[in-house]
mmCIF file of all heavy atoms, coordinates in Angstrom:
data_MODEL
# 
_entry.id   MODEL 
# 
loop_
_atom_site.group_PDB 
_atom_site.id 
_atom_site.type_symbol 
_atom_site.label_atom_id 
_atom_site.label_alt_id 
_atom_site.label_comp_id 
_atom_site.label_asym_id 
_atom_site.label_entity_id 
_atom_site.label_seq_id 
_atom_site.pdbx_PDB_ins_code 
_atom_site.Cartn_x 
_atom_site.Cartn_y 
_atom_site.Cartn_z 
_atom_site.occupancy 
_atom_site.B_iso_or_equiv 
_atom_site.pdbx_formal_charge 
_atom_site.auth_seq_id 
_atom_site.auth_comp_id 
_atom_site.auth_asym_id 
_atom_site.auth_atom_id 
_atom_site.pdbx_PDB_model_num 
ATOM 1   N N   . SER A 1 1  ? -3.386 -16.448 -20.701 1.00 0.00 ? 1  SER A N   1 
ATOM 2   C CA  . SER A 1 1  ? -2.360 -17.403 -20.480 1.00 0.00 ? 1  SER A CA  1 
ATOM 3   C C   . SER A 1 1  ? -1.166 -16.919 -19.610 1.00 0.00 ? 1  SER A C   1 
ATOM 4   O O   . SER A 1 1  ? -0.249 -17.698 -19.203 1.00 0.00 ? 1  SER A O   1 
ATOM 5   C CB  . SER A 1 1  ? -1.753 -17.862 -21.832 1.00 0.00 ? 1  SER A CB  1 
ATOM 6   O OG  . SER A 1 1  ? -1.197 -16.751 -22.485 1.00 0.00 ? 1  SER A OG  1 
ATOM 7   N N   . GLY A 1 2  ? -1.170 -15.593 -19.363 1.00 0.00 ? 2  GLY A N   1 
ATOM 8   C CA  . GLY A 1 2  ? -0.136 -15.023 -18.502 1.00 0.00 ? 2  GLY A CA  1 
ATOM 9   C C   . GLY A 1 2  ? 1.060  -14.560 -19.291 1.00 0.00 ? 2  GLY A C   1 
ATOM 10  O O   . GLY A 1 2  ? 1.035  -14.525 -20.578 1.00 0.00 ? 2  GLY A O   1 
ATOM 11  N N   . PHE A 1 3  ? 2.008  -13.995 -18.625 1.00 0.00 ? 3  PHE A N   1 
ATOM 12  C CA  . PHE A 1 3  ? 3.211  -13.461 -19.239 1.00 0.00 ? 3  PHE A CA  1 
ATOM 13  C C   . PHE A 1 3  ? 4.432  -13.830 -18.442 1.00 0.00 ? 3  PHE A C   1 
ATOM 14  O O   . PHE A 1 3  ? 4.651  -13.298 -17.386 1.00 0.00 ? 3  PHE A O   1 
ATOM 15  C CB  . PHE A 1 3  ? 3.056  -11.911 -19.278 1.00 0.00 ? 3  PHE A CB  1 
ATOM 16  C CG  . PHE A 1 3  ? 4.116  -11.208 -20.032 1.00 0.00 ? 3  PHE A CG  1 
ATOM 17  C CD1 . PHE A 1 3  ? 4.182  -11.204 -21.387 1.00 0.00 ? 3  PHE A CD1 1 
ATOM 18  C CD2 . PHE A 1 3  ? 5.136  -10.584 -19.313 1.00 0.00 ? 3  PHE A CD2 1 
ATOM 19  C CE1 . PHE A 1 3  ? 5.244  -10.536 -22.080 1.00 0.00 ? 3  PHE A CE1 1 
ATOM 20  C CE2 . PHE A 1 3  ? 6.188  -9.954  -19.980 1.00 0.00 ? 3  PHE A CE2 1 
ATOM 21  C CZ  . PHE A 1 3  ? 6.225  -9.950  -21.335 1.00 0.00 ? 3  PHE A CZ  1 
ATOM 22  N N   . PRO A 1 4  ? 5.238  -14.774 -18.929 1.00 0.00 ? 4  PRO A N   1 
ATOM 23  C CA  . PRO A 1 4  ? 6.408  -15.181 -18.139 1.00 0.00 ? 4  PRO A CA  1 
ATOM 24  C C   . PRO A 1 4  ? 7.483  -14.194 -18.045 1.00 0.00 ? 4  PRO A C   1 
ATOM 25  O O   . PRO A 1 4  ? 7.788  -13.437 -19.049 1.00 0.00 ? 4  PRO A O   1 
ATOM 26  C CB  . PRO A 1 4  ? 6.875  -16.425 -18.998 1.00 0.00 ? 4  PRO A CB  1 
ATOM 27  C CG  . PRO A 1 4  ? 6.430  -16.192 -20.384 1.00 0.00 ? 4  PRO A CG  1 
ATOM 28  C CD  . PRO A 1 4  ? 5.179  -15.431 -20.216 1.00 0.00 ? 4  PRO A CD  1 
ATOM 29  N N   . LEU A 1 5  ? 8.018  -13.992 -16.915 1.00 0.00 ? 5  LEU A N   1 
ATOM 30  C CA  . LEU A 1 5  ? 9.102  -13.060 -16.654 1.00 0.00 ? 5  LEU A CA  1 
ATOM 31  C C   . LEU A 1 5  ? 10.328 -13.809 -16.134 1.00 0.00 ? 5  LEU A C   1 
ATOM 32  O O   . LEU A 1 5  ? 10.135 -14.596 -15.153 1.00 0.00 ? 5  LEU A O   1 
ATOM 33  C CB  . LEU A 1 5  ? 8.717  -11.942 -15.643 1.00 0.00 ? 5  LEU A CB  1 
ATOM 34  C CG  . LEU A 1 5  ? 7.626  -11.040 -16.068 1.00 0.00 ? 5  LEU A CG  1 
ATOM 35  C CD1 . LEU A 1 5  ? 7.179  -10.107 -14.947 1.00 0.00 ? 5  LEU A CD1 1 
ATOM 36  C CD2 . LEU A 1 5  ? 7.997  -10.199 -17.256 1.00 0.00 ? 5  LEU A CD2 1 
ATOM 37  N N   . GLU A 1 6  ? 11.497 -13.585 -16.677 1.00 0.00 ? 6  GLU A N   1 
ATOM 38  C CA  . GLU A 1 6  ? 12.712 -14.198 -16.167 1.00 0.00 ? 6  GLU A CA  1 
ATOM 39  C C   . GLU A 1 6  ? 13.810 -13.195 -16.091 1.00 0.00 ? 6  GLU A C   1 
ATOM 40  O O   . GLU A 1 6  ? 13.770 -12.180 -16.747 1.00 0.00 ? 6  GLU A O   1 
ATOM 41  C CB  . GLU A 1 6  ? 13.140 -15.346 -17.171 1.00 0.00 ? 6  GLU A CB  1 
ATOM 42  C CG  . GLU A 1 6  ? 12.098 -16.487 -17.227 1.00 0.00 ? 6  GLU A CG  1 
ATOM 43  C CD  . GLU A 1 6  ? 12.509 -17.545 -18.219 1.00 0.00 ? 6  GLU A CD  1 
ATOM 44  O OE1 . GLU A 1 6  ? 13.593 -17.437 -18.811 1.00 0.00 ? 6  GLU A OE1 1 
ATOM 45  O OE2 . GLU A 1 6  ? 11.714 -18.511 -18.397 1.00 0.00 ? 6  GLU A OE2 1 
ATOM 46  N N   . GLY A 1 7  ? 14.825 -13.534 -15.276 1.00 0.00 ? 7  GLY A N   1 
ATOM 47  C CA  . GLY A 1 7  ? 15.994 -12.755 -15.164 1.00 0.00 ? 7  GLY A CA  1 
ATOM 48  C C   . GLY A 1 7  ? 15.771 -11.247 -14.821 1.00 0.00 ? 7  GLY A C   1 
ATOM 49  O O   . GLY A 1 7  ? 15.115 -10.937 -13.889 1.00 0.00 ? 7  GLY A O   1 
ATOM 50  N N   . GLU A 1 8  ? 16.308 -10.426 -15.637 1.00 0.00 ? 8  GLU A N   1 
ATOM 51  C CA  . GLU A 1 8  ? 16.277 -8.941  -15.460 1.00 0.00 ? 8  GLU A CA  1 
ATOM 52  C C   . GLU A 1 8  ? 14.848 -8.465  -15.407 1.00 0.00 ? 8  GLU A C   1 
ATOM 53  O O   . GLU A 1 8  ? 14.526 -7.493  -14.634 1.00 0.00 ? 8  GLU A O   1 
ATOM 54  C CB  . GLU A 1 8  ? 17.152 -8.223  -16.463 1.00 0.00 ? 8  GLU A CB  1 
ATOM 55  C CG  . GLU A 1 8  ? 18.574 -8.439  -16.340 1.00 0.00 ? 8  GLU A CG  1 
ATOM 56  C CD  . GLU A 1 8  ? 19.355 -7.623  -17.368 1.00 0.00 ? 8  GLU A CD  1 
ATOM 57  O OE1 . GLU A 1 8  ? 18.739 -6.712  -18.076 1.00 0.00 ? 8  GLU A OE1 1 
ATOM 58  O OE2 . GLU A 1 8  ? 20.555 -7.894  -17.476 1.00 0.00 ? 8  GLU A OE2 1 
ATOM 59  N N   . MET A 1 9  ? 14.011 -8.981  -16.285 1.00 0.00 ? 9  MET A N   1 
ATOM 60  C CA  . MET A 1 9  ? 12.607 -8.488  -16.343 1.00 0.00 ? 9  MET A CA  1 
ATOM 61  C C   . MET A 1 9  ? 11.867 -8.825  -15.049 1.00 0.00 ? 9  MET A C   1 
ATOM 62  O O   . MET A 1 9  ? 11.188 -7.954  -14.498 1.00 0.00 ? 9  MET A O   1 
ATOM 63  C CB  . MET A 1 9  ? 11.840 -9.166  -17.494 1.00 0.00 ? 9  MET A CB  1 
ATOM 64  C CG  . MET A 1 9  ? 12.262 -8.636  -18.845 1.00 0.00 ? 9  MET A CG  1 
ATOM 65  S SD  . MET A 1 9  ? 11.980 -6.785  -18.999 1.00 0.00 ? 9  MET A SD  1 
ATOM 66  C CE  . MET A 1 9  ? 10.212 -6.651  -18.999 1.00 0.00 ? 9  MET A CE  1 
ATOM 67  N N   . TRP A 1 10 ? 12.130 -10.033 -14.427 1.00 0.00 ? 10 TRP A N   1 
ATOM 68  C CA  . TRP A 1 10 ? 11.556 -10.375 -13.181 1.00 0.00 ? 10 TRP A CA  1 
ATOM 69  C C   . TRP A 1 10 ? 11.990 -9.409  -12.125 1.00 0.00 ? 10 TRP A C   1 
ATOM 70  O O   . TRP A 1 10 ? 11.228 -8.969  -11.328 1.00 0.00 ? 10 TRP A O   1 
ATOM 71  C CB  . TRP A 1 10 ? 11.847 -11.782 -12.854 1.00 0.00 ? 10 TRP A CB  1 
ATOM 72  C CG  . TRP A 1 10 ? 11.422 -12.209 -11.464 1.00 0.00 ? 10 TRP A CG  1 
ATOM 73  C CD1 . TRP A 1 10 ? 12.233 -12.241 -10.351 1.00 0.00 ? 10 TRP A CD1 1 
ATOM 74  C CD2 . TRP A 1 10 ? 10.145 -12.463 -10.995 1.00 0.00 ? 10 TRP A CD2 1 
ATOM 75  N NE1 . TRP A 1 10 ? 11.494 -12.624 -9.249  1.00 0.00 ? 10 TRP A NE1 1 
ATOM 76  C CE2 . TRP A 1 10 ? 10.145 -12.777 -9.631  1.00 0.00 ? 10 TRP A CE2 1 
ATOM 77  C CE3 . TRP A 1 10 ? 8.914  -12.500 -11.669 1.00 0.00 ? 10 TRP A CE3 1 
ATOM 78  C CZ2 . TRP A 1 10 ? 8.991  -13.041 -8.909  1.00 0.00 ? 10 TRP A CZ2 1 
ATOM 79  C CZ3 . TRP A 1 10 ? 7.718  -12.896 -10.912 1.00 0.00 ? 10 TRP A CZ3 1 
ATOM 80  C CH2 . TRP A 1 10 ? 7.762  -13.110 -9.531  1.00 0.00 ? 10 TRP A CH2 1 
ATOM 81  N N   . GLU A 1 11 ? 13.315 -9.130  -12.082 1.00 0.00 ? 11 GLU A N   1 
ATOM 82  C CA  . GLU A 1 11 ? 13.837 -8.213  -11.104 1.00 0.00 ? 11 GLU A CA  1 
ATOM 83  C C   . GLU A 1 11 ? 13.264 -6.839  -11.217 1.00 0.00 ? 11 GLU A C   1 
ATOM 84  O O   . GLU A 1 11 ? 12.946 -6.120  -10.244 1.00 0.00 ? 11 GLU A O   1 
ATOM 85  C CB  . GLU A 1 11 ? 15.415 -8.128  -11.189 1.00 0.00 ? 11 GLU A CB  1 
ATOM 86  C CG  . GLU A 1 11 ? 16.079 -9.453  -10.866 1.00 0.00 ? 11 GLU A CG  1 
ATOM 87  C CD  . GLU A 1 11 ? 15.842 -9.904  -9.475  1.00 0.00 ? 11 GLU A CD  1 
ATOM 88  O OE1 . GLU A 1 11 ? 15.751 -9.026  -8.492  1.00 0.00 ? 11 GLU A OE1 1 
ATOM 89  O OE2 . GLU A 1 11 ? 15.693 -11.078 -9.268  1.00 0.00 ? 11 GLU A OE2 1 
ATOM 90  N N   . LEU A 1 12 ? 13.040 -6.350  -12.471 1.00 0.00 ? 12 LEU A N   1 
ATOM 91  C CA  . LEU A 1 12 ? 12.431 -4.993  -12.698 1.00 0.00 ? 12 LEU A CA  1 
ATOM 92  C C   . LEU A 1 12 ? 11.027 -5.002  -12.162 1.00 0.00 ? 12 LEU A C   1 
ATOM 93  O O   . LEU A 1 12 ? 10.691 -4.064  -11.363 1.00 0.00 ? 12 LEU A O   1 
ATOM 94  C CB  . LEU A 1 12 ? 12.394 -4.741  -14.201 1.00 0.00 ? 12 LEU A CB  1 
ATOM 95  C CG  . LEU A 1 12 ? 11.717 -3.454  -14.593 1.00 0.00 ? 12 LEU A CG  1 
ATOM 96  C CD1 . LEU A 1 12 ? 12.524 -2.253  -14.097 1.00 0.00 ? 12 LEU A CD1 1 
ATOM 97  C CD2 . LEU A 1 12 ? 11.545 -3.371  -16.077 1.00 0.00 ? 12 LEU A CD2 1 
ATOM 98  N N   . PHE A 1 13 ? 10.220 -6.006  -12.373 1.00 0.00 ? 13 PHE A N   1 
ATOM 99  C CA  . PHE A 1 13 ? 8.844  -5.995  -11.870 1.00 0.00 ? 13 PHE A CA  1 
ATOM 100 C C   . PHE A 1 13 ? 8.836  -6.166  -10.350 1.00 0.00 ? 13 PHE A C   1 
ATOM 101 O O   . PHE A 1 13 ? 8.030  -5.478  -9.662  1.00 0.00 ? 13 PHE A O   1 
ATOM 102 C CB  . PHE A 1 13 ? 8.050  -7.142  -12.561 1.00 0.00 ? 13 PHE A CB  1 
ATOM 103 C CG  . PHE A 1 13 ? 7.404  -6.640  -13.824 1.00 0.00 ? 13 PHE A CG  1 
ATOM 104 C CD1 . PHE A 1 13 ? 8.257  -6.579  -14.973 1.00 0.00 ? 13 PHE A CD1 1 
ATOM 105 C CD2 . PHE A 1 13 ? 6.118  -6.296  -13.913 1.00 0.00 ? 13 PHE A CD2 1 
ATOM 106 C CE1 . PHE A 1 13 ? 7.675  -6.158  -16.190 1.00 0.00 ? 13 PHE A CE1 1 
ATOM 107 C CE2 . PHE A 1 13 ? 5.547  -5.900  -15.106 1.00 0.00 ? 13 PHE A CE2 1 
ATOM 108 C CZ  . PHE A 1 13 ? 6.371  -5.792  -16.272 1.00 0.00 ? 13 PHE A CZ  1 
ATOM 109 N N   . VAL A 1 14 ? 9.691  -7.013  -9.767  1.00 0.00 ? 14 VAL A N   1 
ATOM 110 C CA  . VAL A 1 14 ? 9.732  -7.141  -8.305  1.00 0.00 ? 14 VAL A CA  1 
ATOM 111 C C   . VAL A 1 14 ? 10.144 -5.825  -7.647  1.00 0.00 ? 14 VAL A C   1 
ATOM 112 O O   . VAL A 1 14 ? 9.598  -5.441  -6.703  1.00 0.00 ? 14 VAL A O   1 
ATOM 113 C CB  . VAL A 1 14 ? 10.703 -8.343  -7.896  1.00 0.00 ? 14 VAL A CB  1 
ATOM 114 C CG1 . VAL A 1 14 ? 10.952 -8.380  -6.424  1.00 0.00 ? 14 VAL A CG1 1 
ATOM 115 C CG2 . VAL A 1 14 ? 10.095 -9.689  -8.283  1.00 0.00 ? 14 VAL A CG2 1 
ATOM 116 N N   . GLY A 1 15 ? 11.151 -5.231  -8.269  1.00 0.00 ? 15 GLY A N   1 
ATOM 117 C CA  . GLY A 1 15 ? 11.657 -3.948  -7.725  1.00 0.00 ? 15 GLY A CA  1 
ATOM 118 C C   . GLY A 1 15 ? 10.662 -2.834  -7.797  1.00 0.00 ? 15 GLY A C   1 
ATOM 119 O O   . GLY A 1 15 ? 10.810 -1.859  -7.064  1.00 0.00 ? 15 GLY A O   1 
ATOM 120 N N   . ALA A 1 16 ? 9.747  -2.903  -8.779  1.00 0.00 ? 16 ALA A N   1 
ATOM 121 C CA  . ALA A 1 16 ? 8.781  -1.845  -8.952  1.00 0.00 ? 16 ALA A CA  1 
ATOM 122 C C   . ALA A 1 16 ? 7.795  -1.700  -7.723  1.00 0.00 ? 16 ALA A C   1 
ATOM 123 O O   . ALA A 1 16 ? 7.190  -0.613  -7.556  1.00 0.00 ? 16 ALA A O   1 
ATOM 124 C CB  . ALA A 1 16 ? 7.934  -2.181  -10.145 1.00 0.00 ? 16 ALA A CB  1 
ATOM 125 N N   . VAL A 1 17 ? 7.805  -2.655  -6.837  1.00 0.00 ? 17 VAL A N   1 
ATOM 126 C CA  . VAL A 1 17 ? 6.917  -2.541  -5.615  1.00 0.00 ? 17 VAL A CA  1 
ATOM 127 C C   . VAL A 1 17 ? 7.426  -1.343  -4.838  1.00 0.00 ? 17 VAL A C   1 
ATOM 128 O O   . VAL A 1 17 ? 6.586  -0.565  -4.328  1.00 0.00 ? 17 VAL A O   1 
ATOM 129 C CB  . VAL A 1 17 ? 7.005  -3.828  -4.787  1.00 0.00 ? 17 VAL A CB  1 
ATOM 130 C CG1 . VAL A 1 17 ? 6.395  -3.645  -3.412  1.00 0.00 ? 17 VAL A CG1 1 
ATOM 131 C CG2 . VAL A 1 17 ? 6.456  -4.996  -5.506  1.00 0.00 ? 17 VAL A CG2 1 
ATOM 132 N N   . GLU A 1 18 ? 8.742  -1.177  -4.698  1.00 0.00 ? 18 GLU A N   1 
ATOM 133 C CA  . GLU A 1 18 ? 9.269  -0.107  -3.902  1.00 0.00 ? 18 GLU A CA  1 
ATOM 134 C C   . GLU A 1 18 ? 9.914  1.076   -4.716  1.00 0.00 ? 18 GLU A C   1 
ATOM 135 O O   . GLU A 1 18 ? 10.230 2.085   -4.159  1.00 0.00 ? 18 GLU A O   1 
ATOM 136 C CB  . GLU A 1 18 ? 10.210 -0.613  -2.833  1.00 0.00 ? 18 GLU A CB  1 
ATOM 137 C CG  . GLU A 1 18 ? 9.533  -1.529  -1.848  1.00 0.00 ? 18 GLU A CG  1 
ATOM 138 C CD  . GLU A 1 18 ? 10.513 -2.083  -0.825  1.00 0.00 ? 18 GLU A CD  1 
ATOM 139 O OE1 . GLU A 1 18 ? 11.627 -1.576  -0.738  1.00 0.00 ? 18 GLU A OE1 1 
ATOM 140 O OE2 . GLU A 1 18 ? 10.036 -2.984  -0.057  1.00 0.00 ? 18 GLU A OE2 1 
ATOM 141 N N   . ASP A 1 19 ? 10.247 0.836   -5.983  1.00 0.00 ? 19 ASP A N   1 
ATOM 142 C CA  . ASP A 1 19 ? 11.035 1.784   -6.786  1.00 0.00 ? 19 ASP A CA  1 
ATOM 143 C C   . ASP A 1 19 ? 10.188 2.482   -7.835  1.00 0.00 ? 19 ASP A C   1 
ATOM 144 O O   . ASP A 1 19 ? 9.779  1.789   -8.853  1.00 0.00 ? 19 ASP A O   1 
ATOM 145 C CB  . ASP A 1 19 ? 12.266 1.117   -7.441  1.00 0.00 ? 19 ASP A CB  1 
ATOM 146 C CG  . ASP A 1 19 ? 13.103 2.018   -8.210  1.00 0.00 ? 19 ASP A CG  1 
ATOM 147 O OD1 . ASP A 1 19 ? 13.038 3.205   -8.034  1.00 0.00 ? 19 ASP A OD1 1 
ATOM 148 O OD2 . ASP A 1 19 ? 13.770 1.426   -9.079  1.00 0.00 ? 19 ASP A OD2 1 
ATOM 149 N N   . SER A 1 20 ? 9.836  3.695   -7.736  1.00 0.00 ? 20 SER A N   1 
ATOM 150 C CA  . SER A 1 20 ? 9.045  4.421   -8.666  1.00 0.00 ? 20 SER A CA  1 
ATOM 151 C C   . SER A 1 20 ? 9.706  4.535   -10.048 1.00 0.00 ? 20 SER A C   1 
ATOM 152 O O   . SER A 1 20 ? 8.986  4.549   -11.038 1.00 0.00 ? 20 SER A O   1 
ATOM 153 C CB  . SER A 1 20 ? 8.703  5.839   -8.182  1.00 0.00 ? 20 SER A CB  1 
ATOM 154 O OG  . SER A 1 20 ? 9.779  6.608   -8.049  1.00 0.00 ? 20 SER A OG  1 
ATOM 155 N N   . GLY A 1 21 ? 11.052 4.498   -10.090 1.00 0.00 ? 21 GLY A N   1 
ATOM 156 C CA  . GLY A 1 21 ? 11.760 4.499   -11.347 1.00 0.00 ? 21 GLY A CA  1 
ATOM 157 C C   . GLY A 1 21 ? 11.501 3.231   -12.158 1.00 0.00 ? 21 GLY A C   1 
ATOM 158 O O   . GLY A 1 21 ? 11.373 3.284   -13.343 1.00 0.00 ? 21 GLY A O   1 
ATOM 159 N N   . SER A 1 22 ? 11.433 2.083   -11.396 1.00 0.00 ? 22 SER A N   1 
ATOM 160 C CA  . SER A 1 22 ? 11.113 0.821   -12.107 1.00 0.00 ? 22 SER A CA  1 
ATOM 161 C C   . SER A 1 22 ? 9.677  0.820   -12.614 1.00 0.00 ? 22 SER A C   1 
ATOM 162 O O   . SER A 1 22 ? 9.407  0.380   -13.676 1.00 0.00 ? 22 SER A O   1 
ATOM 163 C CB  . SER A 1 22 ? 11.340 -0.314  -11.097 1.00 0.00 ? 22 SER A CB  1 
ATOM 164 O OG  . SER A 1 22 ? 12.660 -0.544  -10.790 1.00 0.00 ? 22 SER A OG  1 
ATOM 165 N N   . ARG A 1 23 ? 8.800  1.399   -11.766 1.00 0.00 ? 23 ARG A N   1 
ATOM 166 C CA  . ARG A 1 23 ? 7.390  1.468   -12.204 1.00 0.00 ? 23 ARG A CA  1 
ATOM 167 C C   . ARG A 1 23 ? 7.285  2.269   -13.497 1.00 0.00 ? 23 ARG A C   1 
ATOM 168 O O   . ARG A 1 23 ? 6.556  1.959   -14.446 1.00 0.00 ? 23 ARG A O   1 
ATOM 169 C CB  . ARG A 1 23 ? 6.450  1.987   -11.197 1.00 0.00 ? 23 ARG A CB  1 
ATOM 170 C CG  . ARG A 1 23 ? 6.327  1.098   -9.954  1.00 0.00 ? 23 ARG A CG  1 
ATOM 171 C CD  . ARG A 1 23 ? 5.249  1.532   -9.064  1.00 0.00 ? 23 ARG A CD  1 
ATOM 172 N NE  . ARG A 1 23 ? 5.492  2.748   -8.353  1.00 0.00 ? 23 ARG A NE  1 
ATOM 173 C CZ  . ARG A 1 23 ? 6.185  2.882   -7.193  1.00 0.00 ? 23 ARG A CZ  1 
ATOM 174 N NH1 . ARG A 1 23 ? 6.689  1.762   -6.641  1.00 0.00 ? 23 ARG A NH1 1 
ATOM 175 N NH2 . ARG A 1 23 ? 6.389  4.099   -6.658  1.00 0.00 ? 23 ARG A NH2 1 
ATOM 176 N N   . ARG A 1 24 ? 7.989  3.493   -13.522 1.00 0.00 ? 24 ARG A N   1 
ATOM 177 C CA  . ARG A 1 24 ? 7.949  4.287   -14.708 1.00 0.00 ? 24 ARG A CA  1 
ATOM 178 C C   . ARG A 1 24 ? 8.546  3.571   -15.900 1.00 0.00 ? 24 ARG A C   1 
ATOM 179 O O   . ARG A 1 24 ? 8.045  3.707   -17.060 1.00 0.00 ? 24 ARG A O   1 
ATOM 180 C CB  . ARG A 1 24 ? 8.704  5.590   -14.432 1.00 0.00 ? 24 ARG A CB  1 
ATOM 181 C CG  . ARG A 1 24 ? 8.652  6.590   -15.569 1.00 0.00 ? 24 ARG A CG  1 
ATOM 182 C CD  . ARG A 1 24 ? 7.242  6.985   -15.781 1.00 0.00 ? 24 ARG A CD  1 
ATOM 183 N NE  . ARG A 1 24 ? 7.178  7.724   -17.065 1.00 0.00 ? 24 ARG A NE  1 
ATOM 184 C CZ  . ARG A 1 24 ? 6.241  8.567   -17.353 1.00 0.00 ? 24 ARG A CZ  1 
ATOM 185 N NH1 . ARG A 1 24 ? 5.237  8.761   -16.463 1.00 0.00 ? 24 ARG A NH1 1 
ATOM 186 N NH2 . ARG A 1 24 ? 6.184  9.125   -18.535 1.00 0.00 ? 24 ARG A NH2 1 
ATOM 187 N N   . THR A 1 25 ? 9.628  2.858   -15.744 1.00 0.00 ? 25 THR A N   1 
ATOM 188 C CA  . THR A 1 25 ? 10.220 2.119   -16.808 1.00 0.00 ? 25 THR A CA  1 
ATOM 189 C C   . THR A 1 25 ? 9.264  1.113   -17.392 1.00 0.00 ? 25 THR A C   1 
ATOM 190 O O   . THR A 1 25 ? 9.102  1.011   -18.622 1.00 0.00 ? 25 THR A O   1 
ATOM 191 C CB  . THR A 1 25 ? 11.540 1.410   -16.365 1.00 0.00 ? 25 THR A CB  1 
ATOM 192 O OG1 . THR A 1 25 ? 12.476 2.389   -15.948 1.00 0.00 ? 25 THR A OG1 1 
ATOM 193 C CG2 . THR A 1 25 ? 12.151 0.513   -17.444 1.00 0.00 ? 25 THR A CG2 1 
ATOM 194 N N   . ILE A 1 26 ? 8.584  0.385   -16.581 1.00 0.00 ? 26 ILE A N   1 
ATOM 195 C CA  . ILE A 1 26 ? 7.615  -0.639  -16.983 1.00 0.00 ? 26 ILE A CA  1 
ATOM 196 C C   . ILE A 1 26 ? 6.460  0.053   -17.726 1.00 0.00 ? 26 ILE A C   1 
ATOM 197 O O   . ILE A 1 26 ? 6.097  -0.418  -18.852 1.00 0.00 ? 26 ILE A O   1 
ATOM 198 C CB  . ILE A 1 26 ? 7.003  -1.358  -15.746 1.00 0.00 ? 26 ILE A CB  1 
ATOM 199 C CG1 . ILE A 1 26 ? 8.098  -2.286  -15.177 1.00 0.00 ? 26 ILE A CG1 1 
ATOM 200 C CG2 . ILE A 1 26 ? 5.837  -2.243  -16.232 1.00 0.00 ? 26 ILE A CG2 1 
ATOM 201 C CD1 . ILE A 1 26 ? 7.733  -2.825  -13.813 1.00 0.00 ? 26 ILE A CD1 1 
ATOM 202 N N   . PHE A 1 27 ? 5.997  1.176   -17.260 1.00 0.00 ? 27 PHE A N   1 
ATOM 203 C CA  . PHE A 1 27 ? 4.916  1.883   -17.955 1.00 0.00 ? 27 PHE A CA  1 
ATOM 204 C C   . PHE A 1 27 ? 5.398  2.379   -19.285 1.00 0.00 ? 27 PHE A C   1 
ATOM 205 O O   . PHE A 1 27 ? 4.715  2.227   -20.348 1.00 0.00 ? 27 PHE A O   1 
ATOM 206 C CB  . PHE A 1 27 ? 4.467  3.114   -17.066 1.00 0.00 ? 27 PHE A CB  1 
ATOM 207 C CG  . PHE A 1 27 ? 3.422  3.943   -17.750 1.00 0.00 ? 27 PHE A CG  1 
ATOM 208 C CD1 . PHE A 1 27 ? 2.111  3.537   -17.769 1.00 0.00 ? 27 PHE A CD1 1 
ATOM 209 C CD2 . PHE A 1 27 ? 3.786  5.086   -18.402 1.00 0.00 ? 27 PHE A CD2 1 
ATOM 210 C CE1 . PHE A 1 27 ? 1.149  4.326   -18.430 1.00 0.00 ? 27 PHE A CE1 1 
ATOM 211 C CE2 . PHE A 1 27 ? 2.837  5.875   -19.006 1.00 0.00 ? 27 PHE A CE2 1 
ATOM 212 C CZ  . PHE A 1 27 ? 1.479  5.485   -18.995 1.00 0.00 ? 27 PHE A CZ  1 
ATOM 213 N N   . ASP A 1 28 ? 6.561  3.002   -19.330 1.00 0.00 ? 28 ASP A N   1 
ATOM 214 C CA  . ASP A 1 28 ? 7.153  3.546   -20.568 1.00 0.00 ? 28 ASP A CA  1 
ATOM 215 C C   . ASP A 1 28 ? 7.309  2.393   -21.651 1.00 0.00 ? 28 ASP A C   1 
ATOM 216 O O   . ASP A 1 28 ? 6.940  2.607   -22.819 1.00 0.00 ? 28 ASP A O   1 
ATOM 217 C CB  . ASP A 1 28 ? 8.394  4.209   -20.389 1.00 0.00 ? 28 ASP A CB  1 
ATOM 218 C CG  . ASP A 1 28 ? 8.282  5.604   -19.663 1.00 0.00 ? 28 ASP A CG  1 
ATOM 219 O OD1 . ASP A 1 28 ? 7.124  6.128   -19.673 1.00 0.00 ? 28 ASP A OD1 1 
ATOM 220 O OD2 . ASP A 1 28 ? 9.246  6.140   -19.194 1.00 0.00 ? 28 ASP A OD2 1 
ATOM 221 N N   . VAL A 1 29 ? 7.914  1.298   -21.224 1.00 0.00 ? 29 VAL A N   1 
ATOM 222 C CA  . VAL A 1 29 ? 8.119  0.238   -22.143 1.00 0.00 ? 29 VAL A CA  1 
ATOM 223 C C   . VAL A 1 29 ? 6.852  -0.442  -22.642 1.00 0.00 ? 29 VAL A C   1 
ATOM 224 O O   . VAL A 1 29 ? 6.692  -0.707  -23.862 1.00 0.00 ? 29 VAL A O   1 
ATOM 225 C CB  . VAL A 1 29 ? 9.079  -0.881  -21.569 1.00 0.00 ? 29 VAL A CB  1 
ATOM 226 C CG1 . VAL A 1 29 ? 9.202  -2.043  -22.373 1.00 0.00 ? 29 VAL A CG1 1 
ATOM 227 C CG2 . VAL A 1 29 ? 10.475 -0.227  -21.302 1.00 0.00 ? 29 VAL A CG2 1 
ATOM 228 N N   . THR A 1 30 ? 5.931  -0.684  -21.759 1.00 0.00 ? 30 THR A N   1 
ATOM 229 C CA  . THR A 1 30 ? 4.695  -1.396  -22.130 1.00 0.00 ? 30 THR A CA  1 
ATOM 230 C C   . THR A 1 30 ? 3.686  -0.567  -22.899 1.00 0.00 ? 30 THR A C   1 
ATOM 231 O O   . THR A 1 30 ? 2.855  -1.091  -23.627 1.00 0.00 ? 30 THR A O   1 
ATOM 232 C CB  . THR A 1 30 ? 3.985  -1.996  -20.946 1.00 0.00 ? 30 THR A CB  1 
ATOM 233 O OG1 . THR A 1 30 ? 3.671  -1.048  -19.966 1.00 0.00 ? 30 THR A OG1 1 
ATOM 234 C CG2 . THR A 1 30 ? 4.874  -3.087  -20.206 1.00 0.00 ? 30 THR A CG2 1 
# 
């Protein structure tokens, strides 16, 4: 069904394309 992202979470995932720190945060949290 997917996973809706809004606000800060959306920005975190979009920023992860170029920011390794954001990618690490996503990995750590999930």
